[in-house]
C-alpha cells in the first residue's frame, strides 16, 4: 500500500507594511535600560502604529537586545496585541454564556458573511475588524456587540447587519 505525502501548506503572510521607525525613538529611549521592558515596549509600539509591524520587532531587538522569539511569543500570547492593522471600527461580538444562549453565533455569522471576512480579520477597505470576545459584561443586554465605545444589545442578526451597514454608509458619505 502506498501512502501519499501531504503537501506543505502555503503560508499567507501579510505583505510588509512600511512604517516610520523613527516614531519609536522616544519609546525606546524611555524603556531601553529598564527591567521588564518587553510589554511596555510592545504596548507603546502598538499605540504608535495601531499594530506591531515586523520591522518594529527588529528595531526593538537591535536597540534593546530582547530576543525576537521572546517578543513574538508575548505578542501572540496576549490578545491585546495585533500583528496586522485593524479596521477603523473594531466590532467585538460577545460570546459569553448569556450571549451564547441568546444565539450570538448566528448574529456573528451573519455579520461575517455580510462583510465577507472571518473572525479576527479586517475588511479589505480597512473599515471593520470583527473579533469574538469572552464577555463584554453586559449580560442583561444579551446578545451584545460593541463597536468602538458604543454598545448594542438585544440584537437580532438583521439589526446587527443594519448597524454595520449604517456605519459603512456614514463612512462613505
N, C-alpha and C. Protein backbone atom coordinates (compact mmCIF):
# COMPACT_ATOMS: atom_id res chain seq x y z
N UNK A 1 0.85 -1.19 0.00
CA UNK A 1 0.00 0.00 0.00
C UNK A 1 0.89 1.24 0.00
N UNK A 2 0.58 2.15 -0.86
CA UNK A 2 1.36 3.37 -1.00
C UNK A 2 0.63 4.52 -0.31
N UNK A 3 1.36 5.26 0.48
CA UNK A 3 0.77 6.40 1.18
C UNK A 3 1.23 7.68 0.48
N UNK A 4 0.27 8.53 0.19
CA UNK A 4 0.58 9.79 -0.48
C UNK A 4 1.02 10.82 0.56
N UNK A 5 2.09 11.50 0.25
CA UNK A 5 2.58 12.54 1.15
C UNK A 5 1.64 13.73 1.14
N UNK A 6 1.51 14.33 2.30
CA UNK A 6 0.72 15.55 2.41
C UNK A 6 1.60 16.70 1.96
N UNK A 7 1.07 17.50 1.05
CA UNK A 7 1.83 18.63 0.55
C UNK A 7 1.86 19.74 1.61
N UNK A 8 3.00 20.44 1.73
CA UNK A 8 3.06 21.53 2.72
C UNK A 8 2.08 22.64 2.35
N UNK A 9 1.50 23.23 3.41
CA UNK A 9 0.57 24.34 3.18
C UNK A 9 1.34 25.60 2.84
N UNK A 10 0.73 26.38 2.01
CA UNK A 10 1.30 27.69 1.67
C UNK A 10 0.99 28.64 2.82
N UNK A 11 1.97 29.36 3.29
CA UNK A 11 1.75 30.32 4.37
C UNK A 11 1.45 31.67 3.73
N UNK A 12 0.29 32.21 4.06
CA UNK A 12 -0.11 33.52 3.52
C UNK A 12 0.32 34.60 4.49
N UNK A 13 1.46 35.17 4.26
CA UNK A 13 1.93 36.23 5.13
C UNK A 13 1.38 37.57 4.66
N UNK A 14 1.15 38.43 5.64
CA UNK A 14 0.72 39.78 5.32
C UNK A 14 1.89 40.50 4.67
N UNK A 15 1.65 41.22 3.57
CA UNK A 15 2.76 41.94 2.94
C UNK A 15 3.37 42.93 3.93
N UNK A 16 4.67 43.13 3.81
CA UNK A 16 5.37 44.03 4.72
C UNK A 16 4.82 45.45 4.56
N UNK A 17 4.44 46.04 5.67
CA UNK A 17 3.90 47.39 5.67
C UNK A 17 5.02 48.34 6.09
N UNK A 18 5.27 49.34 5.28
CA UNK A 18 6.32 50.30 5.56
C UNK A 18 5.87 51.25 6.66
N UNK A 19 6.71 51.41 7.68
CA UNK A 19 6.41 52.32 8.79
C UNK A 19 7.63 53.19 9.07
N UNK A 20 7.39 54.33 9.65
CA UNK A 20 8.47 55.23 10.04
C UNK A 20 8.97 54.81 11.42
N UNK A 21 10.09 54.11 11.45
CA UNK A 21 10.62 53.58 12.71
C UNK A 21 11.15 54.67 13.63
N UNK A 22 11.37 55.86 13.10
CA UNK A 22 11.86 56.95 13.96
C UNK A 22 10.80 57.37 14.98
N UNK A 23 9.54 57.02 14.72
CA UNK A 23 8.48 57.33 15.67
C UNK A 23 8.67 56.59 17.00
N UNK A 24 9.50 55.54 16.99
CA UNK A 24 9.75 54.74 18.18
C UNK A 24 10.91 55.27 19.02
N UNK A 25 11.62 56.29 18.55
CA UNK A 25 12.82 56.77 19.24
C UNK A 25 12.58 57.10 20.71
N UNK A 26 11.55 57.88 20.99
CA UNK A 26 11.25 58.27 22.37
C UNK A 26 10.87 57.08 23.24
N UNK A 27 10.10 56.18 22.68
CA UNK A 27 9.67 54.98 23.40
C UNK A 27 10.88 54.12 23.77
N UNK A 28 11.74 53.89 22.81
CA UNK A 28 12.92 53.06 23.06
C UNK A 28 13.84 53.74 24.07
N UNK A 29 14.02 55.03 23.95
CA UNK A 29 14.86 55.75 24.90
C UNK A 29 14.31 55.62 26.32
N UNK A 30 13.00 55.65 26.45
CA UNK A 30 12.36 55.57 27.77
C UNK A 30 12.55 54.19 28.42
N UNK A 31 12.44 53.13 27.64
CA UNK A 31 12.43 51.78 28.20
C UNK A 31 13.69 50.95 27.93
N UNK A 32 14.60 51.45 27.16
CA UNK A 32 15.77 50.67 26.71
C UNK A 32 16.49 49.96 27.85
N UNK A 33 16.74 50.65 28.92
CA UNK A 33 17.54 50.08 30.01
C UNK A 33 16.71 49.61 31.21
N UNK A 34 15.40 49.70 31.12
CA UNK A 34 14.55 49.30 32.25
C UNK A 34 14.31 47.80 32.27
N UNK A 35 14.29 47.26 33.46
CA UNK A 35 13.99 45.85 33.65
C UNK A 35 12.49 45.65 33.39
N UNK A 36 12.13 44.54 32.76
CA UNK A 36 10.71 44.27 32.48
C UNK A 36 10.15 45.17 31.40
N UNK A 37 10.98 45.51 30.42
CA UNK A 37 10.56 46.49 29.41
C UNK A 37 9.81 45.90 28.22
N UNK A 38 9.73 44.59 28.12
CA UNK A 38 9.15 43.96 26.93
C UNK A 38 7.70 44.39 26.67
N UNK A 39 6.84 44.18 27.64
CA UNK A 39 5.42 44.51 27.42
C UNK A 39 5.21 46.01 27.22
N UNK A 40 5.83 46.89 28.03
CA UNK A 40 5.66 48.32 27.75
C UNK A 40 6.15 48.73 26.36
N UNK A 41 7.23 48.11 25.88
CA UNK A 41 7.72 48.42 24.53
C UNK A 41 6.71 47.97 23.47
N UNK A 42 6.15 46.78 23.64
CA UNK A 42 5.16 46.30 22.68
C UNK A 42 3.88 47.15 22.73
N UNK A 43 3.44 47.49 23.94
CA UNK A 43 2.25 48.33 24.06
C UNK A 43 2.46 49.71 23.45
N UNK A 44 3.61 50.30 23.72
CA UNK A 44 3.92 51.62 23.16
C UNK A 44 4.02 51.59 21.65
N UNK A 45 4.62 50.53 21.13
CA UNK A 45 4.74 50.38 19.68
C UNK A 45 3.36 50.26 19.05
N UNK A 46 2.50 49.48 19.68
CA UNK A 46 1.14 49.33 19.14
C UNK A 46 0.37 50.64 19.24
N UNK A 47 0.61 51.42 20.29
CA UNK A 47 -0.05 52.72 20.40
C UNK A 47 0.38 53.64 19.25
N UNK A 48 1.62 53.53 18.85
CA UNK A 48 2.14 54.37 17.76
C UNK A 48 1.55 53.97 16.41
N UNK A 49 1.57 52.68 16.10
CA UNK A 49 1.19 52.21 14.76
C UNK A 49 -0.20 51.59 14.66
N UNK A 50 -0.79 51.26 15.79
CA UNK A 50 -2.10 50.60 15.77
C UNK A 50 -1.98 49.09 15.69
N UNK A 51 -0.76 48.60 15.51
CA UNK A 51 -0.45 47.17 15.47
C UNK A 51 1.05 47.04 15.66
N UNK A 52 1.56 45.82 15.64
CA UNK A 52 3.00 45.60 15.81
C UNK A 52 3.63 45.22 14.46
N UNK A 53 4.20 46.19 13.75
CA UNK A 53 4.82 45.88 12.46
C UNK A 53 6.06 45.01 12.66
N UNK A 54 6.34 44.16 11.68
CA UNK A 54 7.50 43.27 11.74
C UNK A 54 8.79 44.08 11.92
N UNK A 55 8.91 45.18 11.21
CA UNK A 55 10.12 46.00 11.30
C UNK A 55 10.34 46.53 12.72
N UNK A 56 9.27 46.76 13.45
CA UNK A 56 9.39 47.26 14.82
C UNK A 56 10.01 46.21 15.74
N UNK A 57 9.69 44.93 15.51
CA UNK A 57 10.31 43.86 16.29
C UNK A 57 11.83 43.90 16.12
N UNK A 58 12.27 44.05 14.87
CA UNK A 58 13.71 44.08 14.60
C UNK A 58 14.36 45.31 15.22
N UNK A 59 13.68 46.43 15.16
CA UNK A 59 14.23 47.66 15.76
C UNK A 59 14.37 47.50 17.27
N UNK A 60 13.35 46.95 17.93
CA UNK A 60 13.42 46.74 19.38
C UNK A 60 14.56 45.77 19.70
N UNK A 61 14.68 44.72 18.91
CA UNK A 61 15.76 43.74 19.12
C UNK A 61 17.13 44.41 19.02
N UNK A 62 17.32 45.20 17.98
CA UNK A 62 18.61 45.87 17.76
C UNK A 62 18.95 46.84 18.88
N UNK A 63 17.94 47.56 19.36
CA UNK A 63 18.18 48.61 20.36
C UNK A 63 18.27 48.10 21.79
N UNK A 64 17.56 47.01 22.09
CA UNK A 64 17.48 46.55 23.48
C UNK A 64 18.11 45.19 23.73
N UNK A 65 18.30 44.42 22.65
CA UNK A 65 18.82 43.08 22.82
C UNK A 65 17.76 42.04 23.16
N UNK A 66 16.49 42.46 23.26
CA UNK A 66 15.42 41.50 23.50
C UNK A 66 15.35 40.53 22.33
N UNK A 67 15.14 39.27 22.64
CA UNK A 67 15.12 38.25 21.60
C UNK A 67 13.82 38.32 20.78
N UNK A 68 13.95 38.12 19.48
CA UNK A 68 12.79 38.16 18.59
C UNK A 68 11.75 37.10 18.97
N UNK A 69 12.21 35.88 19.28
CA UNK A 69 11.25 34.82 19.62
C UNK A 69 10.52 35.12 20.91
N UNK A 70 11.17 35.76 21.85
CA UNK A 70 10.51 36.13 23.11
C UNK A 70 9.44 37.21 22.86
N UNK A 71 9.80 38.22 22.05
CA UNK A 71 8.84 39.28 21.74
C UNK A 71 7.64 38.72 20.99
N UNK A 72 7.91 37.88 20.01
CA UNK A 72 6.83 37.30 19.23
C UNK A 72 5.95 36.40 20.09
N UNK A 73 6.57 35.66 20.99
CA UNK A 73 5.81 34.80 21.91
C UNK A 73 4.85 35.60 22.77
N UNK A 74 5.32 36.71 23.31
CA UNK A 74 4.46 37.57 24.14
C UNK A 74 3.37 38.21 23.28
N UNK A 75 3.74 38.69 22.09
CA UNK A 75 2.78 39.36 21.21
C UNK A 75 1.67 38.42 20.74
N UNK A 76 1.98 37.16 20.57
CA UNK A 76 0.96 36.20 20.13
C UNK A 76 0.19 35.60 21.29
N UNK A 77 0.73 35.67 22.50
CA UNK A 77 0.05 35.12 23.67
C UNK A 77 -1.07 36.04 24.15
N UNK A 78 -0.78 37.33 24.24
CA UNK A 78 -1.75 38.28 24.78
C UNK A 78 -2.66 38.81 23.68
N UNK A 79 -3.95 38.76 23.95
CA UNK A 79 -4.96 39.18 22.98
C UNK A 79 -4.90 40.68 22.68
N UNK A 80 -4.29 41.46 23.54
CA UNK A 80 -4.24 42.91 23.33
C UNK A 80 -3.36 43.31 22.14
N UNK A 81 -2.46 42.42 21.73
CA UNK A 81 -1.53 42.77 20.67
C UNK A 81 -2.02 42.31 19.30
N UNK A 82 -1.74 43.13 18.29
CA UNK A 82 -2.12 42.83 16.90
C UNK A 82 -0.87 42.80 16.05
N UNK A 83 -0.81 41.82 15.16
CA UNK A 83 0.32 41.72 14.23
C UNK A 83 -0.04 42.25 12.85
N UNK A 84 -1.28 42.66 12.69
CA UNK A 84 -1.73 43.25 11.42
C UNK A 84 -2.61 44.45 11.75
N UNK A 85 -2.68 45.40 10.84
CA UNK A 85 -3.51 46.59 11.10
C UNK A 85 -4.98 46.21 11.30
N UNK A 86 -5.62 46.88 12.21
CA UNK A 86 -7.04 46.66 12.47
C UNK A 86 -7.86 47.67 11.67
N UNK A 87 -9.14 47.38 11.55
CA UNK A 87 -10.04 48.30 10.87
C UNK A 87 -10.30 49.54 11.71
N UNK A 88 -10.86 50.52 11.08
CA UNK A 88 -11.21 51.76 11.77
C UNK A 88 -12.22 51.49 12.88
N UNK A 89 -13.15 50.56 12.61
CA UNK A 89 -14.17 50.19 13.59
C UNK A 89 -13.95 48.74 14.00
N UNK A 90 -13.68 48.54 15.29
CA UNK A 90 -13.50 47.18 15.80
C UNK A 90 -14.83 46.72 16.39
N UNK A 91 -15.36 45.65 15.80
CA UNK A 91 -16.64 45.09 16.21
C UNK A 91 -16.35 43.92 17.13
N UNK A 92 -16.69 44.07 18.41
CA UNK A 92 -16.47 42.99 19.38
C UNK A 92 -17.80 42.29 19.61
N UNK A 93 -17.80 41.00 19.30
CA UNK A 93 -19.00 40.19 19.48
C UNK A 93 -18.85 39.39 20.76
N UNK A 94 -19.75 39.61 21.72
CA UNK A 94 -19.70 38.91 22.99
C UNK A 94 -20.18 37.47 22.81
N UNK A 95 -19.33 36.53 23.24
CA UNK A 95 -19.69 35.12 23.17
C UNK A 95 -19.68 34.50 24.56
N UNK A 96 -20.00 35.33 25.57
CA UNK A 96 -20.15 34.82 26.93
C UNK A 96 -21.40 33.96 27.02
N UNK A 97 -21.63 33.37 28.17
CA UNK A 97 -22.74 32.43 28.34
C UNK A 97 -24.09 33.05 28.01
N UNK A 98 -24.38 34.23 28.56
CA UNK A 98 -25.68 34.86 28.32
C UNK A 98 -25.90 35.14 26.84
N UNK A 99 -24.88 35.63 26.16
CA UNK A 99 -25.00 35.91 24.73
C UNK A 99 -25.06 34.62 23.92
N UNK A 100 -24.30 33.64 24.35
CA UNK A 100 -24.29 32.36 23.63
C UNK A 100 -25.69 31.73 23.61
N UNK A 101 -26.35 31.71 24.76
CA UNK A 101 -27.69 31.11 24.80
C UNK A 101 -28.73 31.95 24.08
N UNK A 102 -28.38 33.21 23.80
CA UNK A 102 -29.28 34.09 23.04
C UNK A 102 -28.90 34.13 21.56
N UNK A 103 -28.17 33.11 21.11
CA UNK A 103 -27.84 32.92 19.68
C UNK A 103 -26.91 33.97 19.08
N UNK A 104 -25.91 34.40 19.82
CA UNK A 104 -24.96 35.38 19.27
C UNK A 104 -24.16 34.78 18.11
N UNK A 105 -24.02 33.47 18.08
CA UNK A 105 -23.27 32.84 16.99
C UNK A 105 -23.93 33.13 15.65
N UNK A 106 -25.25 33.07 15.60
CA UNK A 106 -25.97 33.37 14.36
C UNK A 106 -25.77 34.83 13.95
N UNK A 107 -25.72 35.72 14.92
CA UNK A 107 -25.51 37.14 14.64
C UNK A 107 -24.09 37.36 14.10
N UNK A 108 -23.14 36.74 14.77
CA UNK A 108 -21.74 36.87 14.33
C UNK A 108 -21.58 36.33 12.92
N UNK A 109 -22.14 35.16 12.66
CA UNK A 109 -22.05 34.56 11.32
C UNK A 109 -22.66 35.47 10.26
N UNK A 110 -23.77 36.10 10.58
CA UNK A 110 -24.44 37.00 9.63
C UNK A 110 -23.56 38.21 9.32
N UNK A 111 -22.94 38.77 10.35
CA UNK A 111 -22.05 39.93 10.15
C UNK A 111 -20.83 39.53 9.32
N UNK A 112 -20.22 38.40 9.67
CA UNK A 112 -19.04 37.94 8.94
C UNK A 112 -19.37 37.65 7.48
N UNK A 113 -20.54 37.05 7.24
CA UNK A 113 -20.96 36.79 5.86
C UNK A 113 -21.16 38.09 5.09
N UNK A 114 -21.80 39.05 5.74
CA UNK A 114 -22.07 40.32 5.07
C UNK A 114 -20.76 41.07 4.76
N UNK A 115 -19.81 41.03 5.68
CA UNK A 115 -18.53 41.71 5.48
C UNK A 115 -17.54 40.88 4.66
N UNK A 116 -17.87 39.63 4.44
CA UNK A 116 -17.03 38.69 3.68
C UNK A 116 -15.63 38.53 4.28
N UNK A 117 -15.61 38.34 5.61
CA UNK A 117 -14.36 38.08 6.33
C UNK A 117 -14.60 36.96 7.33
N UNK A 118 -13.52 36.54 7.97
CA UNK A 118 -13.59 35.55 9.05
C UNK A 118 -13.33 36.26 10.37
N UNK A 119 -13.65 35.57 11.46
CA UNK A 119 -13.42 36.13 12.79
C UNK A 119 -11.95 36.54 12.94
N UNK A 120 -11.75 37.76 13.42
CA UNK A 120 -10.40 38.27 13.63
C UNK A 120 -9.82 38.98 12.43
N UNK A 121 -10.50 38.93 11.31
CA UNK A 121 -9.98 39.56 10.09
C UNK A 121 -10.51 40.98 9.93
N UNK A 122 -9.90 41.69 9.00
CA UNK A 122 -10.27 43.07 8.69
C UNK A 122 -10.75 43.13 7.25
N UNK A 123 -11.78 43.93 7.01
CA UNK A 123 -12.30 44.09 5.65
C UNK A 123 -11.24 44.73 4.76
N UNK A 124 -11.34 44.48 3.47
CA UNK A 124 -10.33 44.99 2.52
C UNK A 124 -10.28 46.52 2.50
N UNK A 125 -11.39 47.17 2.83
CA UNK A 125 -11.39 48.64 2.88
C UNK A 125 -10.89 49.17 4.22
N UNK A 126 -10.50 48.26 5.10
CA UNK A 126 -9.98 48.57 6.44
C UNK A 126 -10.96 49.36 7.30
N UNK A 127 -12.25 49.18 7.04
CA UNK A 127 -13.25 49.84 7.88
C UNK A 127 -13.60 49.02 9.12
N UNK A 128 -13.67 47.69 8.98
CA UNK A 128 -14.12 46.85 10.08
C UNK A 128 -13.18 45.69 10.37
N UNK A 129 -12.99 45.45 11.65
CA UNK A 129 -12.36 44.23 12.14
C UNK A 129 -13.37 43.62 13.09
N UNK A 130 -13.66 42.34 12.92
CA UNK A 130 -14.62 41.65 13.79
C UNK A 130 -13.86 40.67 14.68
N UNK A 131 -14.14 40.75 15.98
CA UNK A 131 -13.50 39.87 16.95
C UNK A 131 -14.54 39.28 17.87
N UNK A 132 -14.42 38.00 18.16
CA UNK A 132 -15.26 37.42 19.21
C UNK A 132 -14.50 37.58 20.52
N UNK A 133 -15.22 37.94 21.57
CA UNK A 133 -14.61 38.11 22.89
C UNK A 133 -15.36 37.26 23.90
N UNK A 134 -14.71 36.95 25.00
CA UNK A 134 -15.29 36.06 26.00
C UNK A 134 -16.50 36.69 26.69
N UNK A 135 -16.42 37.95 27.05
CA UNK A 135 -17.55 38.60 27.72
C UNK A 135 -17.34 40.11 27.70
N UNK A 136 -18.42 40.84 27.44
CA UNK A 136 -18.37 42.30 27.47
C UNK A 136 -18.95 42.85 28.77
N UNK A 137 -19.48 41.97 29.61
CA UNK A 137 -20.01 42.39 30.90
C UNK A 137 -21.36 43.09 30.81
N UNK A 138 -22.12 42.82 29.78
CA UNK A 138 -23.44 43.44 29.58
C UNK A 138 -24.50 42.34 29.48
N UNK A 139 -24.45 41.39 30.37
CA UNK A 139 -25.28 40.18 30.25
C UNK A 139 -26.78 40.47 30.17
N UNK A 140 -27.22 41.53 30.82
CA UNK A 140 -28.65 41.84 30.78
C UNK A 140 -29.10 42.33 29.40
N UNK A 141 -28.13 42.68 28.54
CA UNK A 141 -28.44 43.15 27.19
C UNK A 141 -28.23 42.08 26.13
N UNK A 142 -27.95 40.87 26.55
CA UNK A 142 -27.60 39.78 25.62
C UNK A 142 -28.66 39.59 24.55
N UNK A 143 -28.20 39.29 23.33
CA UNK A 143 -26.84 39.25 22.81
C UNK A 143 -26.31 40.66 22.50
N UNK A 144 -25.00 40.83 22.71
CA UNK A 144 -24.39 42.16 22.67
C UNK A 144 -23.21 42.20 21.69
N UNK A 145 -23.08 43.37 21.05
CA UNK A 145 -21.85 43.67 20.32
C UNK A 145 -21.43 45.08 20.69
N UNK A 146 -20.15 45.33 20.56
CA UNK A 146 -19.61 46.64 20.87
C UNK A 146 -18.81 47.11 19.66
N UNK A 147 -19.05 48.33 19.24
CA UNK A 147 -18.29 48.92 18.14
C UNK A 147 -17.68 50.20 18.69
N UNK A 148 -16.37 50.18 18.83
CA UNK A 148 -15.70 51.30 19.49
C UNK A 148 -16.15 51.35 20.94
N UNK A 149 -16.68 52.48 21.35
CA UNK A 149 -17.17 52.65 22.72
C UNK A 149 -18.68 52.44 22.82
N UNK A 150 -19.33 52.19 21.71
CA UNK A 150 -20.79 52.06 21.66
C UNK A 150 -21.21 50.60 21.83
N UNK A 151 -22.17 50.37 22.73
CA UNK A 151 -22.67 49.02 23.00
C UNK A 151 -24.07 48.87 22.40
N UNK A 152 -24.29 47.75 21.72
CA UNK A 152 -25.58 47.45 21.11
C UNK A 152 -26.08 46.14 21.69
N UNK A 153 -27.29 46.17 22.28
CA UNK A 153 -27.80 44.98 22.93
C UNK A 153 -29.14 44.53 22.41
N UNK A 154 -29.56 43.35 22.89
CA UNK A 154 -30.83 42.72 22.49
C UNK A 154 -30.91 42.61 20.97
N UNK A 155 -29.81 42.18 20.36
CA UNK A 155 -29.70 42.18 18.91
C UNK A 155 -30.33 40.96 18.24
N UNK A 156 -30.71 41.17 17.01
CA UNK A 156 -31.06 40.08 16.10
C UNK A 156 -30.04 40.14 14.97
N UNK A 157 -29.91 39.09 14.18
CA UNK A 157 -28.97 39.17 13.06
C UNK A 157 -29.27 40.34 12.12
N UNK A 158 -30.54 40.55 11.85
CA UNK A 158 -30.94 41.63 10.93
C UNK A 158 -30.57 43.00 11.50
N UNK A 159 -30.81 43.23 12.79
CA UNK A 159 -30.47 44.52 13.42
C UNK A 159 -28.97 44.76 13.41
N UNK A 160 -28.19 43.72 13.70
CA UNK A 160 -26.74 43.86 13.74
C UNK A 160 -26.19 44.23 12.37
N UNK A 161 -26.66 43.58 11.34
CA UNK A 161 -26.22 43.88 9.97
C UNK A 161 -26.62 45.31 9.60
N UNK A 162 -27.80 45.72 10.01
CA UNK A 162 -28.26 47.08 9.72
C UNK A 162 -27.33 48.12 10.36
N UNK A 163 -26.89 47.87 11.58
CA UNK A 163 -25.97 48.78 12.27
C UNK A 163 -24.66 48.90 11.50
N UNK A 164 -24.12 47.77 11.08
CA UNK A 164 -22.87 47.77 10.32
C UNK A 164 -23.04 48.52 9.00
N UNK A 165 -24.15 48.27 8.31
CA UNK A 165 -24.40 48.96 7.03
C UNK A 165 -24.53 50.46 7.22
N UNK A 166 -25.16 50.89 8.32
CA UNK A 166 -25.30 52.33 8.60
C UNK A 166 -23.94 52.97 8.85
N UNK A 167 -23.09 52.28 9.57
CA UNK A 167 -21.73 52.82 9.82
C UNK A 167 -20.97 52.92 8.50
N UNK A 168 -21.05 51.90 7.68
CA UNK A 168 -20.37 51.91 6.38
C UNK A 168 -20.89 53.06 5.52
N UNK A 169 -22.21 53.23 5.51
CA UNK A 169 -22.83 54.30 4.71
C UNK A 169 -22.34 55.67 5.19
N UNK A 170 -22.26 55.87 6.51
CA UNK A 170 -21.82 57.17 7.04
C UNK A 170 -20.34 57.41 6.73
N UNK A 171 -19.55 56.35 6.63
CA UNK A 171 -18.13 56.49 6.29
C UNK A 171 -17.95 56.87 4.83
N UNK A 172 -18.79 56.36 3.97
CA UNK A 172 -18.70 56.65 2.54
C UNK A 172 -19.11 58.08 2.24
N UNK A 173 -20.11 58.58 2.98
CA UNK A 173 -20.60 59.95 2.74
C UNK A 173 -19.77 60.98 3.39
